[in-house]
Amino acid sequence: MPSNIKHNQIEEAVCKEGGRFHRSTQGLPLHIKRTNLLLVAKIWMTLIHFNLAPVDHASDIHLNRSYILFSILSGKRIDLGTLITEEIQSCADSTIGNAKLGHPSLILIYAGEEELTHLWGHLSDRVSL
């Protein structure tokens, strides 16, 4: 988490009145239910979940994606290249057997045949496209 962002700032920027993070038993923020988001936040959440940081389950926004949403709504700069690269790397490193690889078209566009062969050999048994 960026050190200068507080969870209550995120709640104020993205949630309807009364909306808050669901928290763990230790009080740590986990996610915000979609129903608690402002309309503009729901629209941006959809873009984030389907284009920037793909997920299978999009009924709530988890902590890491709430930082992206907060940054967008508050006009902060976001390094999309780094964000997408980290998402692809996270998926490649996942130990989940049925993990979906986001951004396959970007991989195809920017990687040459040799890199794709190497990448496919590394990912084929760990990730389903």
N, C-alpha and C. Protein backbone atom coordinates (compact mmCIF):
# COMPACT_ATOMS: atom_id res chain seq x y z
N MET A 1 0.84 -1.18 0.00
CA MET A 1 0.00 0.00 0.00
C MET A 1 0.88 1.23 0.00
N PRO A 2 0.53 2.21 -0.82
CA PRO A 2 1.26 3.47 -0.74
C PRO A 2 1.15 4.02 0.69
N SER A 3 2.27 4.42 1.26
CA SER A 3 2.30 4.79 2.67
C SER A 3 1.47 6.03 2.99
N ASN A 4 1.18 6.84 1.99
CA ASN A 4 0.45 8.08 2.25
C ASN A 4 -1.06 7.93 2.12
N ILE A 5 -1.56 6.74 1.81
CA ILE A 5 -3.01 6.53 1.67
C ILE A 5 -3.53 5.80 2.90
N LYS A 6 -4.53 6.37 3.51
CA LYS A 6 -5.18 5.76 4.68
C LYS A 6 -6.46 5.06 4.23
N HIS A 7 -6.82 3.99 4.89
CA HIS A 7 -8.01 3.23 4.49
C HIS A 7 -9.28 4.05 4.60
N ASN A 8 -9.35 4.95 5.58
CA ASN A 8 -10.55 5.78 5.68
C ASN A 8 -10.64 6.76 4.51
N GLN A 9 -9.50 7.17 3.94
CA GLN A 9 -9.52 8.02 2.74
C GLN A 9 -10.13 7.26 1.57
N ILE A 10 -9.77 6.00 1.44
CA ILE A 10 -10.32 5.17 0.36
C ILE A 10 -11.82 5.03 0.55
N GLU A 11 -12.25 4.73 1.77
CA GLU A 11 -13.68 4.58 2.05
C GLU A 11 -14.45 5.85 1.70
N GLU A 12 -13.91 7.00 2.08
CA GLU A 12 -14.58 8.27 1.81
C GLU A 12 -14.67 8.56 0.31
N ALA A 13 -13.65 8.15 -0.44
CA ALA A 13 -13.60 8.46 -1.87
C ALA A 13 -14.44 7.52 -2.72
N VAL A 14 -14.58 6.27 -2.31
CA VAL A 14 -15.21 5.28 -3.19
C VAL A 14 -16.55 4.75 -2.70
N CYS A 15 -16.86 4.92 -1.41
CA CYS A 15 -18.06 4.30 -0.83
C CYS A 15 -19.23 5.27 -0.70
N LYS A 16 -20.44 4.68 -0.80
CA LYS A 16 -21.65 5.42 -0.45
C LYS A 16 -21.60 5.67 1.06
N GLU A 17 -22.48 6.54 1.51
CA GLU A 17 -22.54 6.81 2.94
C GLU A 17 -22.80 5.51 3.70
N GLY A 18 -21.98 5.26 4.70
CA GLY A 18 -22.10 4.04 5.50
C GLY A 18 -21.30 2.87 4.96
N GLY A 19 -20.79 2.97 3.72
CA GLY A 19 -19.99 1.89 3.14
C GLY A 19 -18.60 1.87 3.74
N ARG A 20 -18.09 0.68 3.98
CA ARG A 20 -16.78 0.54 4.60
C ARG A 20 -16.12 -0.75 4.13
N PHE A 21 -14.84 -0.87 4.42
CA PHE A 21 -14.14 -2.13 4.20
C PHE A 21 -14.72 -3.19 5.13
N HIS A 22 -14.88 -4.41 4.62
CA HIS A 22 -15.11 -5.55 5.51
C HIS A 22 -13.73 -5.86 6.08
N ARG A 23 -13.69 -6.17 7.35
CA ARG A 23 -12.40 -6.33 8.02
C ARG A 23 -12.24 -7.74 8.59
N SER A 24 -10.99 -8.13 8.75
CA SER A 24 -10.67 -9.42 9.36
C SER A 24 -10.96 -9.35 10.86
N THR A 25 -10.85 -10.49 11.53
CA THR A 25 -11.06 -10.50 12.98
C THR A 25 -10.00 -9.68 13.71
N GLN A 26 -8.87 -9.43 13.04
CA GLN A 26 -7.83 -8.58 13.62
C GLN A 26 -8.04 -7.11 13.27
N GLY A 27 -9.10 -6.81 12.51
CA GLY A 27 -9.40 -5.42 12.16
C GLY A 27 -8.73 -4.93 10.89
N LEU A 28 -8.08 -5.81 10.15
CA LEU A 28 -7.41 -5.41 8.91
C LEU A 28 -8.43 -5.34 7.77
N PRO A 29 -8.33 -4.32 6.91
CA PRO A 29 -9.28 -4.20 5.80
C PRO A 29 -9.07 -5.31 4.77
N LEU A 30 -10.17 -5.91 4.30
CA LEU A 30 -10.11 -7.00 3.32
C LEU A 30 -10.65 -6.58 1.96
N HIS A 31 -11.92 -6.15 1.94
CA HIS A 31 -12.56 -5.79 0.68
C HIS A 31 -13.76 -4.89 0.95
N ILE A 32 -14.25 -4.28 -0.14
CA ILE A 32 -15.46 -3.47 -0.09
C ILE A 32 -16.46 -4.12 -1.03
N LYS A 33 -17.67 -4.35 -0.55
CA LYS A 33 -18.73 -4.93 -1.39
C LYS A 33 -19.11 -3.94 -2.48
N ARG A 34 -19.36 -4.45 -3.67
CA ARG A 34 -19.76 -3.63 -4.81
C ARG A 34 -20.99 -2.78 -4.48
N THR A 35 -21.91 -3.32 -3.71
CA THR A 35 -23.14 -2.60 -3.38
C THR A 35 -22.87 -1.36 -2.53
N ASN A 36 -21.71 -1.28 -1.91
CA ASN A 36 -21.35 -0.12 -1.08
C ASN A 36 -20.60 0.96 -1.85
N LEU A 37 -20.34 0.73 -3.14
CA LEU A 37 -19.56 1.69 -3.92
C LEU A 37 -20.45 2.76 -4.56
N LEU A 38 -19.87 3.95 -4.71
CA LEU A 38 -20.52 5.00 -5.49
C LEU A 38 -20.62 4.54 -6.94
N LEU A 39 -21.57 5.11 -7.70
CA LEU A 39 -21.75 4.71 -9.10
C LEU A 39 -20.46 4.88 -9.90
N VAL A 40 -19.81 6.02 -9.77
CA VAL A 40 -18.58 6.25 -10.53
C VAL A 40 -17.50 5.23 -10.14
N ALA A 41 -17.48 4.84 -8.88
CA ALA A 41 -16.52 3.83 -8.43
C ALA A 41 -16.85 2.45 -9.02
N LYS A 42 -18.14 2.14 -9.15
CA LYS A 42 -18.55 0.87 -9.77
C LYS A 42 -18.10 0.81 -11.23
N ILE A 43 -18.25 1.93 -11.93
CA ILE A 43 -17.85 1.98 -13.34
C ILE A 43 -16.35 1.75 -13.46
N TRP A 44 -15.56 2.46 -12.66
CA TRP A 44 -14.11 2.29 -12.71
C TRP A 44 -13.71 0.89 -12.23
N MET A 45 -14.43 0.36 -11.25
CA MET A 45 -14.13 -0.98 -10.75
C MET A 45 -14.28 -2.00 -11.88
N THR A 46 -15.31 -1.84 -12.70
CA THR A 46 -15.51 -2.74 -13.83
C THR A 46 -14.32 -2.68 -14.78
N LEU A 47 -13.86 -1.48 -15.09
CA LEU A 47 -12.69 -1.32 -15.96
C LEU A 47 -11.46 -1.98 -15.34
N ILE A 48 -11.26 -1.75 -14.06
CA ILE A 48 -10.10 -2.34 -13.38
C ILE A 48 -10.17 -3.87 -13.41
N HIS A 49 -11.32 -4.42 -13.06
CA HIS A 49 -11.45 -5.88 -12.97
C HIS A 49 -11.37 -6.59 -14.32
N PHE A 50 -11.78 -5.93 -15.38
CA PHE A 50 -11.81 -6.63 -16.67
C PHE A 50 -10.69 -6.22 -17.62
N ASN A 51 -9.98 -5.13 -17.33
CA ASN A 51 -8.95 -4.67 -18.25
C ASN A 51 -7.59 -4.46 -17.62
N LEU A 52 -7.53 -3.93 -16.43
CA LEU A 52 -6.23 -3.62 -15.83
C LEU A 52 -5.72 -4.73 -14.92
N ALA A 53 -6.59 -5.24 -14.08
CA ALA A 53 -6.20 -6.26 -13.11
C ALA A 53 -7.30 -7.32 -13.07
N PRO A 54 -7.34 -8.19 -14.10
CA PRO A 54 -8.44 -9.15 -14.25
C PRO A 54 -8.64 -10.07 -13.05
N VAL A 55 -9.91 -10.35 -12.78
CA VAL A 55 -10.30 -11.27 -11.71
C VAL A 55 -11.45 -12.14 -12.20
N ASP A 56 -11.65 -13.28 -11.57
CA ASP A 56 -12.79 -14.13 -11.88
C ASP A 56 -14.03 -13.71 -11.09
N HIS A 57 -13.81 -13.23 -9.88
CA HIS A 57 -14.90 -12.90 -8.97
C HIS A 57 -14.89 -11.38 -8.75
N ALA A 58 -15.90 -10.68 -9.25
CA ALA A 58 -15.87 -9.22 -9.23
C ALA A 58 -17.00 -8.59 -8.44
N SER A 59 -17.54 -9.29 -7.44
CA SER A 59 -18.64 -8.70 -6.67
C SER A 59 -18.15 -7.78 -5.57
N ASP A 60 -16.86 -7.80 -5.30
CA ASP A 60 -16.30 -6.85 -4.35
C ASP A 60 -14.90 -6.47 -4.81
N ILE A 61 -14.39 -5.40 -4.23
CA ILE A 61 -13.07 -4.93 -4.62
C ILE A 61 -12.12 -5.15 -3.45
N HIS A 62 -11.09 -5.93 -3.70
CA HIS A 62 -10.13 -6.26 -2.65
C HIS A 62 -9.16 -5.11 -2.44
N LEU A 63 -8.44 -5.19 -1.35
CA LEU A 63 -7.60 -4.10 -0.89
C LEU A 63 -6.65 -3.57 -1.96
N ASN A 64 -5.90 -4.45 -2.61
CA ASN A 64 -4.92 -3.98 -3.59
C ASN A 64 -5.58 -3.23 -4.75
N ARG A 65 -6.74 -3.68 -5.19
CA ARG A 65 -7.43 -2.99 -6.28
C ARG A 65 -8.12 -1.72 -5.79
N SER A 66 -8.41 -1.64 -4.50
CA SER A 66 -8.99 -0.41 -3.96
C SER A 66 -8.00 0.74 -4.04
N TYR A 67 -6.69 0.44 -3.97
CA TYR A 67 -5.68 1.49 -4.12
C TYR A 67 -5.70 2.04 -5.55
N ILE A 68 -5.87 1.15 -6.52
CA ILE A 68 -5.95 1.58 -7.91
C ILE A 68 -7.18 2.46 -8.09
N LEU A 69 -8.32 2.00 -7.59
CA LEU A 69 -9.57 2.75 -7.70
C LEU A 69 -9.44 4.12 -7.03
N PHE A 70 -8.89 4.16 -5.84
CA PHE A 70 -8.70 5.42 -5.12
C PHE A 70 -7.80 6.36 -5.93
N SER A 71 -6.73 5.83 -6.49
CA SER A 71 -5.80 6.66 -7.27
C SER A 71 -6.49 7.26 -8.48
N ILE A 72 -7.30 6.47 -9.17
CA ILE A 72 -8.03 6.97 -10.33
C ILE A 72 -9.00 8.07 -9.92
N LEU A 73 -9.80 7.82 -8.89
CA LEU A 73 -10.82 8.79 -8.48
C LEU A 73 -10.23 10.06 -7.89
N SER A 74 -9.04 9.99 -7.34
CA SER A 74 -8.43 11.18 -6.76
C SER A 74 -7.41 11.84 -7.69
N GLY A 75 -7.34 11.36 -8.94
CA GLY A 75 -6.49 12.00 -9.94
C GLY A 75 -5.01 11.76 -9.79
N LYS A 76 -4.63 10.73 -9.08
CA LYS A 76 -3.21 10.41 -8.91
C LYS A 76 -2.70 9.65 -10.14
N ARG A 77 -1.41 9.75 -10.37
CA ARG A 77 -0.79 9.04 -11.49
C ARG A 77 -0.69 7.55 -11.20
N ILE A 78 -0.89 6.75 -12.25
CA ILE A 78 -0.76 5.30 -12.16
C ILE A 78 0.14 4.84 -13.30
N ASP A 79 1.13 4.04 -12.99
CA ASP A 79 2.00 3.47 -14.01
C ASP A 79 1.35 2.19 -14.52
N LEU A 80 0.60 2.31 -15.63
CA LEU A 80 -0.14 1.16 -16.15
C LEU A 80 0.78 0.03 -16.60
N GLY A 81 1.91 0.37 -17.17
CA GLY A 81 2.85 -0.66 -17.60
C GLY A 81 3.30 -1.53 -16.45
N THR A 82 3.67 -0.88 -15.35
CA THR A 82 4.09 -1.62 -14.16
C THR A 82 2.93 -2.42 -13.58
N LEU A 83 1.75 -1.82 -13.53
CA LEU A 83 0.57 -2.50 -13.00
C LEU A 83 0.28 -3.78 -13.79
N ILE A 84 0.23 -3.67 -15.10
CA ILE A 84 -0.07 -4.83 -15.94
C ILE A 84 1.05 -5.88 -15.84
N THR A 85 2.30 -5.42 -15.83
CA THR A 85 3.42 -6.35 -15.69
C THR A 85 3.34 -7.11 -14.38
N GLU A 86 3.03 -6.41 -13.29
CA GLU A 86 2.91 -7.07 -11.99
C GLU A 86 1.74 -8.06 -11.97
N GLU A 87 0.64 -7.73 -12.65
CA GLU A 87 -0.50 -8.65 -12.72
C GLU A 87 -0.12 -9.92 -13.47
N ILE A 88 0.57 -9.77 -14.60
CA ILE A 88 1.00 -10.93 -15.38
C ILE A 88 1.97 -11.78 -14.57
N GLN A 89 2.93 -11.13 -13.90
CA GLN A 89 3.91 -11.86 -13.09
C GLN A 89 3.23 -12.58 -11.94
N SER A 90 2.29 -11.92 -11.29
CA SER A 90 1.56 -12.53 -10.18
C SER A 90 0.82 -13.78 -10.64
N CYS A 91 0.22 -13.71 -11.81
CA CYS A 91 -0.49 -14.86 -12.35
C CYS A 91 0.49 -15.99 -12.67
N ALA A 92 1.62 -15.64 -13.27
CA ALA A 92 2.61 -16.65 -13.62
C ALA A 92 3.18 -17.32 -12.38
N ASP A 93 3.31 -16.57 -11.29
CA ASP A 93 3.86 -17.11 -10.05
C ASP A 93 2.83 -17.83 -9.19
N SER A 94 1.57 -17.76 -9.59
CA SER A 94 0.49 -18.33 -8.78
C SER A 94 0.64 -19.83 -8.63
N THR A 95 0.29 -20.31 -7.46
CA THR A 95 0.30 -21.75 -7.22
C THR A 95 -1.08 -22.36 -7.43
N ILE A 96 -2.04 -21.52 -7.80
CA ILE A 96 -3.40 -21.99 -8.07
C ILE A 96 -3.39 -22.69 -9.42
N GLY A 97 -3.82 -23.92 -9.46
CA GLY A 97 -3.76 -24.73 -10.68
C GLY A 97 -4.60 -24.22 -11.83
N ASN A 98 -5.69 -23.52 -11.54
CA ASN A 98 -6.56 -23.06 -12.62
C ASN A 98 -6.52 -21.54 -12.79
N ALA A 99 -5.40 -20.92 -12.43
CA ALA A 99 -5.28 -19.46 -12.55
C ALA A 99 -5.42 -19.04 -14.01
N LYS A 100 -6.14 -17.96 -14.24
CA LYS A 100 -6.33 -17.42 -15.59
C LYS A 100 -5.26 -16.36 -15.85
N LEU A 101 -4.68 -16.40 -17.02
CA LEU A 101 -3.67 -15.42 -17.39
C LEU A 101 -4.35 -14.21 -17.99
N GLY A 102 -4.23 -13.07 -17.35
CA GLY A 102 -4.77 -11.84 -17.89
C GLY A 102 -3.84 -11.27 -18.95
N HIS A 103 -4.39 -10.47 -19.81
CA HIS A 103 -3.64 -9.74 -20.84
C HIS A 103 -2.92 -10.64 -21.84
N PRO A 104 -3.51 -11.74 -22.31
CA PRO A 104 -2.80 -12.60 -23.26
C PRO A 104 -2.47 -11.89 -24.56
N SER A 105 -3.32 -10.96 -24.98
CA SER A 105 -3.04 -10.26 -26.24
C SER A 105 -1.79 -9.39 -26.13
N LEU A 106 -1.55 -8.78 -24.97
CA LEU A 106 -0.34 -7.99 -24.79
C LEU A 106 0.90 -8.86 -24.87
N ILE A 107 0.81 -10.04 -24.29
CA ILE A 107 1.94 -10.96 -24.33
C ILE A 107 2.24 -11.33 -25.78
N LEU A 108 1.20 -11.61 -26.56
CA LEU A 108 1.39 -11.98 -27.96
C LEU A 108 1.95 -10.83 -28.78
N ILE A 109 1.51 -9.62 -28.51
CA ILE A 109 1.96 -8.46 -29.28
C ILE A 109 3.43 -8.16 -29.02
N TYR A 110 3.85 -8.19 -27.76
CA TYR A 110 5.18 -7.71 -27.39
C TYR A 110 6.25 -8.78 -27.33
N ALA A 111 5.88 -10.00 -27.35
CA ALA A 111 6.88 -11.06 -27.26
C ALA A 111 7.15 -11.65 -28.64
N GLY A 112 8.40 -11.93 -28.91
CA GLY A 112 8.76 -12.60 -30.15
C GLY A 112 8.50 -14.09 -30.02
N GLU A 113 8.66 -14.81 -31.12
CA GLU A 113 8.37 -16.25 -31.13
C GLU A 113 9.21 -17.01 -30.11
N GLU A 114 10.50 -16.67 -30.03
CA GLU A 114 11.38 -17.37 -29.08
C GLU A 114 10.93 -17.13 -27.64
N GLU A 115 10.59 -15.88 -27.32
CA GLU A 115 10.13 -15.57 -25.97
C GLU A 115 8.81 -16.27 -25.67
N LEU A 116 7.92 -16.33 -26.67
CA LEU A 116 6.63 -17.00 -26.46
C LEU A 116 6.82 -18.49 -26.20
N THR A 117 7.73 -19.12 -26.95
CA THR A 117 8.00 -20.54 -26.75
C THR A 117 8.51 -20.78 -25.33
N HIS A 118 9.43 -19.93 -24.89
CA HIS A 118 9.97 -20.04 -23.53
C HIS A 118 8.87 -19.79 -22.49
N LEU A 119 8.08 -18.74 -22.70
CA LEU A 119 7.01 -18.40 -21.77
C LEU A 119 5.98 -19.52 -21.70
N TRP A 120 5.58 -20.05 -22.85
CA TRP A 120 4.58 -21.11 -22.87
C TRP A 120 5.09 -22.35 -22.14
N GLY A 121 6.36 -22.68 -22.34
CA GLY A 121 6.94 -23.82 -21.64
C GLY A 121 6.90 -23.63 -20.13
N HIS A 122 7.07 -22.39 -19.69
CA HIS A 122 7.07 -22.09 -18.26
C HIS A 122 5.66 -22.09 -17.68
N LEU A 123 4.69 -21.63 -18.47
CA LEU A 123 3.34 -21.43 -17.96
C LEU A 123 2.36 -22.55 -18.25
N SER A 124 2.59 -23.33 -19.29
CA SER A 124 1.56 -24.24 -19.79
C SER A 124 1.02 -25.21 -18.74
N ASP A 125 1.85 -25.66 -17.84
CA ASP A 125 1.37 -26.59 -16.83
C ASP A 125 0.82 -25.89 -15.59
N ARG A 126 0.92 -24.55 -15.54
CA ARG A 126 0.49 -23.82 -14.35
C ARG A 126 -0.68 -22.89 -14.59
N VAL A 127 -0.92 -22.51 -15.83
CA VAL A 127 -1.93 -21.49 -16.11
C VAL A 127 -2.80 -21.93 -17.27
N SER A 128 -4.11 -21.74 -17.16
CA SER A 128 -5.01 -22.01 -18.28
C SER A 128 -5.38 -20.70 -18.94
N LEU A 129 -5.33 -20.68 -20.26
CA LEU A 129 -5.65 -19.45 -21.00
C LEU A 129 -7.11 -19.41 -21.36
